[in-house]
Amino acid sequence: MRKVCFSYSYMYHFNPREGTPAASMSGRIADKVKGDRLSRVIEVQKGLTKSLMESRVGSIEEVLIEGLSRRKKTELLARTQRDEMVVFPAPASRVGSFARFD
């Protein structure tokens, strides 16, 4: 993870699906162990994401304004060209337009 350094990742612990070869394999790992391992991986990713976002502070980004923020109706949700979410205060009339930030 540290070598590739993804901005984000979606993680979950492995669950074998009935009817697949993995469902009948022996030597299953306990759910607690899977949960503990997943928690550690998530913490690594949080640190990587934070570092990447902090490295972009002060840069100029063009974003597409997609809609209202779920948390505050006075803020808009936008995405960068790298599919990173940005939230900022602006009127709802800006939805569907582009904005540049520095």
Protein backbone atom coordinates (compact mmCIF):
# COMPACT_ATOMS: atom_id res chain seq x y z
CA MET A 1 0.00 0.00 0.00
CA ARG A 2 2.79 2.41 0.87
CA LYS A 3 4.56 1.68 -2.41
CA VAL A 4 1.50 2.24 -4.64
CA CYS A 5 0.04 5.01 -2.46
CA PHE A 6 -3.58 5.11 -3.64
CA SER A 7 -5.60 8.21 -2.76
CA TYR A 8 -8.43 6.01 -1.53
CA SER A 9 -9.22 2.35 -1.28
CA TYR A 10 -12.26 0.30 -0.45
CA MET A 11 -11.54 -2.59 1.87
CA TYR A 12 -13.40 -5.37 3.59
CA HIS A 13 -12.43 -8.65 5.16
CA PHE A 14 -12.77 -11.80 3.11
CA ASN A 15 -15.99 -13.78 3.37
CA PRO A 16 -16.18 -17.01 1.38
CA ARG A 17 -19.36 -17.33 -0.65
CA GLU A 18 -21.28 -20.56 -0.50
CA GLY A 19 -20.85 -22.59 -3.67
CA THR A 20 -17.31 -21.33 -4.29
CA PRO A 21 -14.13 -23.38 -3.68
CA ALA A 22 -13.15 -21.08 -0.80
CA ALA A 23 -16.33 -21.92 1.10
CA SER A 24 -15.19 -25.51 1.66
CA MET A 25 -11.49 -24.86 2.35
CA SER A 26 -10.09 -25.67 5.75
CA GLY A 27 -7.97 -23.36 7.85
CA ARG A 28 -10.33 -20.40 7.98
CA ILE A 29 -9.17 -17.33 9.81
CA ALA A 30 -11.32 -16.17 12.74
CA ASP A 31 -13.53 -13.12 12.15
CA LYS A 32 -11.77 -11.26 14.99
CA VAL A 33 -8.40 -11.77 13.32
CA LYS A 34 -9.83 -10.61 9.98
CA GLY A 35 -11.35 -7.56 11.66
CA ASP A 36 -8.09 -6.68 13.42
CA ARG A 37 -6.13 -6.99 10.18
CA LEU A 38 -8.66 -4.88 8.32
CA SER A 39 -8.48 -2.18 11.00
CA ARG A 40 -4.70 -2.00 10.59
CA VAL A 41 -4.97 -1.74 6.80
CA ILE A 42 -7.60 1.00 7.10
CA GLU A 43 -5.34 2.99 9.43
CA VAL A 44 -2.47 2.76 6.92
CA GLN A 45 -4.78 4.00 4.15
CA LYS A 46 -6.06 6.87 6.29
CA GLY A 47 -2.48 8.02 6.81
CA LEU A 48 -1.68 7.77 3.11
CA THR A 49 -4.84 9.69 2.15
CA LYS A 50 -4.09 12.40 4.71
CA SER A 51 -0.53 12.83 3.44
CA LEU A 52 -1.65 13.05 -0.18
CA MET A 53 -4.37 15.60 0.62
CA GLU A 54 -1.99 17.69 2.71
CA SER A 55 0.54 17.68 -0.14
CA ARG A 56 -2.05 19.39 -2.35
CA VAL A 57 -2.72 22.29 0.00
CA GLY A 58 -1.94 25.46 -1.92
CA SER A 59 -2.28 23.85 -5.35
CA ILE A 60 -4.82 24.96 -7.96
CA GLU A 61 -7.57 22.45 -8.69
CA GLU A 62 -10.43 22.53 -11.15
CA VAL A 63 -13.55 20.82 -9.85
CA LEU A 64 -16.95 19.86 -11.19
CA ILE A 65 -19.68 20.91 -8.77
CA GLU A 66 -22.04 17.94 -8.43
CA GLY A 67 -24.56 18.90 -5.78
CA LEU A 68 -25.29 19.93 -2.22
CA SER A 69 -23.25 18.63 0.67
CA ARG A 70 -25.09 16.05 2.80
CA ARG A 71 -23.90 17.68 6.01
CA LYS A 72 -24.56 21.35 5.29
CA LYS A 73 -27.02 22.70 2.75
CA THR A 74 -24.94 25.89 2.47
CA GLU A 75 -22.02 23.89 1.06
CA LEU A 76 -21.54 22.19 -2.30
CA LEU A 77 -19.92 18.88 -3.17
CA ALA A 78 -17.50 18.81 -6.08
CA ARG A 79 -14.91 16.40 -7.51
CA THR A 80 -11.43 16.95 -8.86
CA GLN A 81 -10.12 15.34 -12.04
CA ARG A 82 -8.67 12.62 -9.77
CA ASP A 83 -12.19 11.90 -8.40
CA GLU A 84 -11.38 13.43 -5.02
CA MET A 85 -14.27 15.04 -3.19
CA VAL A 86 -14.20 18.71 -2.24
CA VAL A 87 -16.77 20.53 -0.11
CA PHE A 88 -17.00 24.32 0.01
CA PRO A 89 -19.51 27.08 0.72
CA ALA A 90 -21.30 28.40 -2.38
CA PRO A 91 -24.85 28.94 -3.65
CA ALA A 92 -26.77 25.95 -5.05
CA SER A 93 -27.02 27.77 -8.39
CA ARG A 94 -23.40 26.70 -9.07
CA VAL A 95 -24.29 22.97 -9.31
CA GLY A 96 -23.31 21.61 -12.72
CA SER A 97 -20.55 24.15 -13.28
CA PHE A 98 -16.79 24.09 -12.90
CA ALA A 99 -14.79 26.00 -10.32
CA ARG A 100 -11.08 26.58 -9.73
CA PHE A 101 -9.51 26.66 -6.29
CA ASP A 102 -6.09 27.52 -5.04
